[in-house]
Amino acid sequence: MSDTKQIFSPAQRSLLADVLNRIIPPNDKLPGAGNLGVTDFVEAAAAANPGLTRLFNEGLTQISITAAGTTGQDSSQAFVGLSSAAKDELLREIEIAHPMFFEQLILQTYNGYYTNPAVFELIGYQLPKPAPPGTHPELLDVSLLDQQRKRAPFWKKV
């Protein structure tokens, strides 16, 4: 990531990586979101919108303050020192107290993780091959709609 896109301090990036590893923890062959570097993706998304920049800075500050209040440690390292269960409980508190931040945190974490080529490779997903030049592929396999077309409408016709 270039320096011009960095909106988080090194301490915030470290905290965010640890938080991301709680949202999508490592398991079996899959890395945690923080270990995969999704922090850069989240930071770039937040940097692209001033409202998100503020939302993420405030949200990360609240995680630090809440963790420091729980542990009595310096706020920059407090979250890292918590047990996994305590981290999860703290994040549930943040989700309730700051739902807009938490919604964006989850959205950007999932977007960054599940669009990462390394994750594609690890789960065996292959991107569809692009159509050859000059062809006009069908955008939708309409046979997928057959079951839905057989159902009665779920809305009231007026």
Protein backbone atom coordinates (compact mmCIF):
# COMPACT_ATOMS: atom_id res chain seq x y z
CA MET A 1 0.00 0.00 0.00
CA SER A 2 1.34 3.45 -0.87
CA ASP A 3 1.90 5.99 1.88
CA THR A 4 -0.72 8.30 0.43
CA LYS A 5 -3.49 5.77 1.15
CA GLN A 6 -2.49 5.09 4.75
CA ILE A 7 -5.01 6.51 7.17
CA PHE A 8 -4.28 4.23 10.12
CA SER A 9 -1.33 4.45 12.46
CA PRO A 10 0.93 1.40 12.86
CA ALA A 11 -0.82 0.68 16.19
CA GLN A 12 -4.23 0.86 14.49
CA ARG A 13 -3.07 -1.48 11.71
CA SER A 14 -1.83 -3.97 14.28
CA LEU A 15 -5.11 -3.75 16.20
CA LEU A 16 -7.13 -4.09 12.99
CA ALA A 17 -5.16 -7.19 11.95
CA ASP A 18 -5.91 -8.81 15.31
CA VAL A 19 -9.60 -7.85 15.05
CA LEU A 20 -9.78 -9.26 11.51
CA ASN A 21 -8.33 -12.54 12.79
CA ARG A 22 -11.28 -12.75 15.20
CA ILE A 23 -13.83 -12.01 12.46
CA ILE A 24 -12.33 -14.62 10.12
CA PRO A 25 -9.97 -16.71 12.23
CA PRO A 26 -7.41 -19.07 10.75
CA ASN A 27 -8.64 -22.63 10.42
CA ASP A 28 -7.17 -25.71 8.79
CA LYS A 29 -5.62 -24.54 5.55
CA LEU A 30 -7.21 -21.07 5.47
CA PRO A 31 -5.38 -18.09 6.97
CA GLY A 32 -7.11 -15.58 9.22
CA ALA A 33 -8.16 -12.33 7.58
CA GLY A 34 -5.55 -10.33 9.49
CA ASN A 35 -2.79 -12.80 8.63
CA LEU A 36 -3.78 -12.64 4.96
CA GLY A 37 -3.28 -8.88 4.82
CA VAL A 38 -6.93 -7.88 4.55
CA THR A 39 -5.93 -4.91 6.72
CA ASP A 40 -4.63 -3.19 3.58
CA PHE A 41 -7.93 -3.81 1.78
CA VAL A 42 -9.96 -2.41 4.68
CA GLU A 43 -7.68 0.61 4.96
CA ALA A 44 -7.93 1.31 1.21
CA ALA A 45 -11.74 1.07 1.38
CA ALA A 46 -11.82 3.43 4.36
CA ALA A 47 -9.39 5.85 2.68
CA ALA A 48 -11.59 6.08 -0.41
CA ASN A 49 -14.43 7.72 1.51
CA PRO A 50 -14.02 10.46 4.15
CA GLY A 51 -17.08 9.18 6.02
CA LEU A 52 -15.58 5.70 6.23
CA THR A 53 -12.22 7.14 7.25
CA ARG A 54 -13.82 8.80 10.24
CA LEU A 55 -16.03 5.79 11.02
CA PHE A 56 -13.06 3.38 11.05
CA ASN A 57 -10.81 5.70 13.05
CA GLU A 58 -13.54 6.19 15.65
CA GLY A 59 -14.38 2.46 15.71
CA LEU A 60 -10.77 1.36 16.16
CA THR A 61 -10.37 3.97 18.91
CA GLN A 62 -13.43 2.55 20.68
CA ILE A 63 -12.02 -0.97 20.48
CA SER A 64 -8.73 0.28 22.00
CA ILE A 65 -10.47 2.23 24.77
CA THR A 66 -12.81 -0.65 25.63
CA ALA A 67 -9.93 -3.13 25.69
CA ALA A 68 -7.83 -0.83 27.87
CA GLY A 69 -10.74 -0.47 30.30
CA THR A 70 -11.04 -4.25 30.46
CA THR A 71 -7.34 -4.97 31.01
CA GLY A 72 -5.96 -1.80 32.54
CA GLN A 73 -3.11 -1.93 29.99
CA ASP A 74 -1.95 0.68 27.52
CA SER A 75 -4.77 1.02 24.97
CA SER A 76 -2.56 0.26 21.96
CA GLN A 77 -1.72 -3.24 23.22
CA ALA A 78 -4.75 -4.08 25.36
CA PHE A 79 -6.78 -5.98 22.75
CA VAL A 80 -3.87 -8.22 21.78
CA GLY A 81 -3.48 -9.31 25.42
CA LEU A 82 -7.07 -10.51 25.78
CA SER A 83 -8.09 -14.15 25.51
CA SER A 84 -9.95 -15.20 22.37
CA ALA A 85 -13.23 -15.38 24.30
CA ALA A 86 -12.67 -11.92 25.79
CA LYS A 87 -11.86 -10.50 22.34
CA ASP A 88 -15.07 -11.96 20.95
CA GLU A 89 -17.10 -10.54 23.84
CA LEU A 90 -15.51 -7.13 23.39
CA LEU A 91 -16.33 -7.18 19.67
CA ARG A 92 -19.95 -8.08 20.48
CA GLU A 93 -20.07 -5.00 22.74
CA ILE A 94 -18.65 -2.84 19.94
CA GLU A 95 -21.18 -4.30 17.51
CA ILE A 96 -24.04 -3.22 19.80
CA ALA A 97 -22.58 0.18 20.71
CA HIS A 98 -21.33 1.11 17.22
CA PRO A 99 -23.45 -0.82 14.69
CA MET A 100 -22.57 1.32 11.65
CA PHE A 101 -18.85 0.83 12.23
CA PHE A 102 -19.24 -2.87 12.86
CA GLU A 103 -21.40 -3.37 9.78
CA GLN A 104 -18.73 -1.72 7.61
CA LEU A 105 -15.99 -3.67 9.38
CA ILE A 106 -17.70 -6.97 8.57
CA LEU A 107 -18.55 -5.91 5.01
CA GLN A 108 -15.02 -4.79 4.17
CA THR A 109 -13.45 -7.79 5.90
CA TYR A 110 -15.55 -10.25 3.90
CA ASN A 111 -15.05 -8.30 0.67
CA GLY A 112 -11.29 -8.27 1.15
CA TYR A 113 -11.04 -11.89 2.23
CA TYR A 114 -13.35 -13.58 -0.24
CA THR A 115 -12.01 -11.69 -3.25
CA ASN A 116 -8.41 -12.52 -2.43
CA PRO A 117 -6.75 -14.76 -5.06
CA ALA A 118 -4.98 -16.74 -2.31
CA VAL A 119 -8.36 -17.65 -0.78
CA PHE A 120 -9.71 -18.57 -4.23
CA GLU A 121 -6.81 -20.95 -4.67
CA LEU A 122 -7.14 -22.47 -1.19
CA ILE A 123 -10.87 -23.16 -1.55
CA GLY A 124 -10.49 -24.43 -5.12
CA TYR A 125 -12.47 -21.63 -6.77
CA GLN A 126 -11.53 -20.72 -10.31
CA LEU A 127 -12.57 -17.47 -11.89
CA PRO A 128 -14.61 -17.98 -15.04
CA LYS A 129 -12.54 -17.65 -18.18
CA PRO A 130 -13.26 -14.52 -20.21
CA ALA A 131 -15.21 -15.00 -23.41
CA PRO A 132 -13.14 -14.99 -26.60
CA PRO A 133 -13.17 -11.68 -28.49
CA GLY A 134 -16.14 -11.27 -30.78
CA THR A 135 -18.41 -13.72 -28.95
CA HIS A 136 -21.54 -12.66 -27.13
CA PRO A 137 -21.99 -15.08 -24.24
CA GLU A 138 -25.35 -15.35 -22.56
CA LEU A 139 -25.25 -13.37 -19.34
CA LEU A 140 -27.54 -15.73 -17.47
CA ASP A 141 -28.36 -19.40 -17.74
CA VAL A 142 -32.14 -18.90 -17.90
CA SER A 143 -32.79 -22.56 -17.05
CA LEU A 144 -31.80 -21.63 -13.49
CA LEU A 145 -35.07 -19.69 -13.28
CA ASP A 146 -37.37 -22.62 -14.19
CA GLN A 147 -38.21 -23.56 -10.59
CA GLN A 148 -38.98 -19.97 -9.67
CA ARG A 149 -41.22 -19.52 -12.70
CA LYS A 150 -43.32 -22.52 -11.59
CA ARG A 151 -44.09 -20.91 -8.22
CA ALA A 152 -47.12 -18.77 -7.63
CA PRO A 153 -46.39 -15.07 -7.22
CA PHE A 154 -45.64 -14.07 -3.63
CA TRP A 155 -46.98 -10.55 -4.14
CA LYS A 156 -50.52 -9.32 -4.42
CA LYS A 157 -51.57 -8.20 -7.89
CA VAL A 158 -53.43 -4.90 -7.77
